[in-house]
Protein backbone atom coordinates (compact mmCIF):
# COMPACT_ATOMS: atom_id res chain seq x y z
CA MET A 1 29.98 70.68 59.80
CA LYS A 2 27.05 69.79 58.06
CA GLU A 3 24.82 72.75 60.07
CA LYS A 4 26.60 74.80 57.56
CA TYR A 5 24.75 73.77 54.63
CA ILE A 6 20.97 72.84 53.72
CA PHE A 7 20.52 69.88 51.52
CA ARG A 8 17.27 70.56 49.46
CA LYS A 9 15.53 69.78 45.84
CA ILE A 10 17.38 72.11 43.19
CA ARG A 11 15.78 75.55 41.52
CA GLN A 12 14.71 75.69 38.10
CA GLU A 13 17.31 78.25 37.75
CA GLU A 14 20.48 76.52 39.13
CA ILE A 15 20.34 73.99 36.60
CA PRO A 16 22.90 75.97 34.79
CA VAL A 17 24.70 76.07 37.89
CA MET A 18 25.23 72.37 38.70
CA PHE A 19 25.99 71.97 34.61
CA ASP A 20 28.80 74.31 35.10
CA ILE A 21 30.30 72.45 37.99
CA ILE A 22 30.31 69.41 36.19
CA ILE A 23 32.14 71.36 33.22
CA GLY A 24 34.72 72.63 35.91
CA ARG A 25 35.20 69.10 37.20
CA MET A 26 35.62 67.71 33.71
CA LYS A 27 38.17 70.34 33.53
CA TRP A 28 39.74 69.49 36.52
CA MET A 29 40.26 65.95 35.70
CA ASP A 30 41.91 66.82 32.42
CA ARG A 31 44.29 69.17 35.01
CA VAL A 32 44.90 65.70 37.14
CA GLY A 33 44.77 63.12 34.77
CA ILE A 34 42.03 61.29 36.17
CA LYS A 35 40.00 59.73 32.97
CA GLN A 36 36.65 59.65 33.29
CA TRP A 37 34.11 62.50 33.28
CA ASN A 38 36.27 63.81 30.34
CA VAL A 39 37.38 61.33 28.11
CA THR A 40 33.61 59.72 28.07
CA LYS A 41 31.52 62.82 25.99
CA TYR A 42 29.98 63.35 29.88
CA ASP A 43 28.84 66.58 29.20
CA GLU A 44 27.03 65.19 26.00
CA VAL A 45 25.35 61.82 27.33
CA TYR A 46 23.87 64.33 29.78
CA PRO A 47 23.14 67.70 28.81
CA VAL A 48 21.16 70.47 30.53
CA SER A 49 17.65 69.04 29.55
CA TYR A 50 19.00 65.91 31.08
CA TYR A 51 19.31 67.90 34.19
CA GLU A 52 15.82 69.53 33.91
CA GLU A 53 13.64 66.46 33.40
CA LYS A 54 15.26 64.90 36.14
CA ARG A 55 14.44 68.52 38.37
CA LYS A 56 10.86 68.03 37.34
CA ASN A 57 10.73 64.75 38.83
CA GLY A 58 11.92 65.95 41.64
CA GLU A 59 15.11 63.80 41.26
CA VAL A 60 18.53 66.39 41.56
CA PHE A 61 19.31 67.75 44.96
CA VAL A 62 22.01 70.45 45.80
CA LEU A 63 23.86 71.16 49.29
CA GLU A 64 23.68 75.17 49.59
CA GLU A 65 26.02 77.42 51.57
CA ILE A 66 24.01 78.80 53.97
CA ALA A 67 26.38 81.73 54.63
CA THR A 68 26.40 82.32 50.99
CA GLY A 69 23.95 80.66 48.88
CA ASP A 70 26.82 78.90 46.47
CA ILE A 71 25.83 75.64 45.54
CA SER A 72 28.90 73.08 47.02
CA ALA A 73 27.89 69.99 45.60
CA ALA A 74 24.78 68.77 43.13
CA ALA A 75 23.33 64.99 42.32
CA VAL A 76 20.69 63.28 41.11
CA LEU A 77 18.94 60.69 43.41
CA LYS A 78 16.95 58.05 41.42
CA SER A 79 14.21 55.25 43.15
CA GLU A 80 15.44 52.56 40.71
CA ASP A 81 18.79 52.00 38.65
CA GLU A 82 18.92 49.50 35.61
CA ARG A 83 22.62 49.12 36.23
CA TRP A 84 21.81 47.34 39.57
CA ASP A 85 19.49 44.69 37.72
CA GLY A 86 22.08 41.55 37.64
CA VAL A 87 22.82 42.54 40.73
CA PRO A 88 21.09 39.25 43.44
CA ASP A 89 18.74 40.50 45.54
CA ALA A 90 19.06 44.58 44.55
CA GLY A 91 15.76 44.55 43.45
CA ASN A 92 14.05 43.62 46.61
CA THR A 93 15.62 46.52 48.73
CA SER A 94 14.44 50.24 48.91
CA ALA A 95 17.42 52.21 47.96
CA PHE A 96 18.13 55.48 46.30
CA TYR A 97 20.90 55.55 43.62
CA LEU A 98 23.58 58.90 43.76
CA HIS A 99 24.34 59.74 39.88
CA ASN A 100 25.76 62.77 38.28
CA PHE A 101 27.41 63.88 41.90
CA ALA A 102 29.78 67.31 41.22
CA VAL A 103 31.58 69.32 44.02
CA PRO A 104 33.25 72.58 42.44
CA PRO A 105 36.97 71.69 43.24
CA ASP A 106 37.53 74.33 45.30
CA LYS A 107 34.85 73.09 47.89
CA LYS A 108 36.94 70.31 49.46
CA GLY A 109 34.98 68.50 52.08
CA THR A 110 31.08 69.41 50.80
CA GLY A 111 31.15 65.75 48.69
CA ALA A 112 31.39 63.70 52.36
CA VAL A 113 28.49 66.37 53.71
CA PHE A 114 26.19 66.35 50.62
CA LEU A 115 26.82 62.23 51.08
CA GLN A 116 25.52 61.99 54.51
CA LEU A 117 22.76 64.57 54.45
CA ALA A 118 21.61 62.28 51.44
CA GLU A 119 21.78 59.07 53.71
CA GLU A 120 20.03 60.83 56.13
CA TYR A 121 17.08 61.78 53.79
CA ALA A 122 17.28 58.51 52.00
CA LYS A 123 16.70 56.94 55.76
CA LEU A 124 13.70 59.33 56.36
CA GLN A 125 12.45 58.30 52.97
CA GLY A 126 12.37 54.76 54.14
CA LYS A 127 15.46 53.65 52.54
CA GLU A 128 17.20 50.29 53.26
CA TYR A 129 20.57 51.41 51.21
CA PHE A 130 22.04 54.34 49.29
CA ARG A 131 23.74 52.83 46.66
CA LEU A 132 26.41 54.49 43.81
CA ASP A 133 29.29 53.55 41.52
CA SER A 134 32.59 54.91 40.84
CA ALA A 135 34.78 54.29 37.90
CA ASP A 136 36.97 50.85 38.50
CA ASP A 137 40.46 52.37 37.54
CA ASN A 138 39.87 55.53 40.14
CA LYS A 139 41.93 53.90 43.38
CA LYS A 140 41.63 57.25 44.86
CA LEU A 141 37.77 57.09 44.55
CA GLU A 142 37.87 53.68 45.53
CA GLU A 143 39.38 54.30 49.02
CA TYR A 144 37.35 56.98 49.64
CA TYR A 145 34.06 55.49 48.98
CA THR A 146 35.17 52.80 51.14
CA GLU A 147 36.46 54.74 54.15
CA LYS A 148 32.73 56.33 54.19
CA GLY A 149 31.26 52.67 54.80
CA TYR A 150 30.52 51.52 50.74
CA VAL A 151 30.90 47.67 49.36
CA ALA A 152 31.17 46.77 46.16
CA ALA A 153 28.29 44.85 45.43
CA GLY A 154 29.18 44.17 41.43
CA TYR A 155 30.34 45.80 38.13
CA CYS A 156 28.76 47.83 35.29
CA ILE A 157 29.49 49.16 31.99
CA ASP A 158 27.95 52.13 30.64
CA GLY A 159 28.88 53.41 27.15
CA LEU A 160 32.72 54.05 27.76
CA TYR A 161 32.28 53.80 31.11
CA THR A 162 33.28 51.02 33.42
CA GLY A 163 32.32 51.13 37.24
CA ILE A 164 32.27 49.51 40.54
CA LEU A 165 28.81 49.52 42.15
CA ARG A 166 28.62 50.12 45.92
CA GLN A 167 26.26 50.29 48.81
CA LYS A 168 25.93 51.14 52.04
CA LYS A 169 23.45 49.66 54.25
CA LEU A 170 20.99 52.44 55.92
C-alpha cells in the first residue's frame, strides 16, 4: 500500500491544508466522544504560525497520495523533545519524536502508512528510536500503537494534556 504514497516535507502552501486536517480531526473527536484535541484548545496552542515555523526548520512531513496529490496524513518530526527529559537514557539515544500527527477521518489506513514511512526515514537519518505519545485515557489509540510495536516508556503532562510516552527501537 505504501507504493501509492510519497512521504516528503511539506510545502509552504500546504500548511493550511494540514491545519484543516487538524480542525477536521477535532470535529471528528467531538462526534465520536473522544476528549483530546477538541477540549485542550489544540488549535490555539498549535496555530498555523506554529506549523509555518516548524516547516521552516524542515520538521513537517506529509503523506501525499500519488494518484490525486491529496495530503493523506501530516505530522511534525522533531529531533528533540522536552517531554522525554525525565525518561532514563532517553537523552543518550538518537530519535525522532512524532507530534501533531493528523489523518483526515475519511483516509483510514493512511496513518499506518505514514508511520511506516516515517520510521524508514528515521532509519535513513541514523535514528535509533522513533518516539511519540498518546493520551493516557484513549484505550483504542493505546492498543493501536502497541500493535505497531510501540512500548510505554513514561508519562508526560503538557498543559491540559496527560500522555503516555511510547517508543519503538528501529
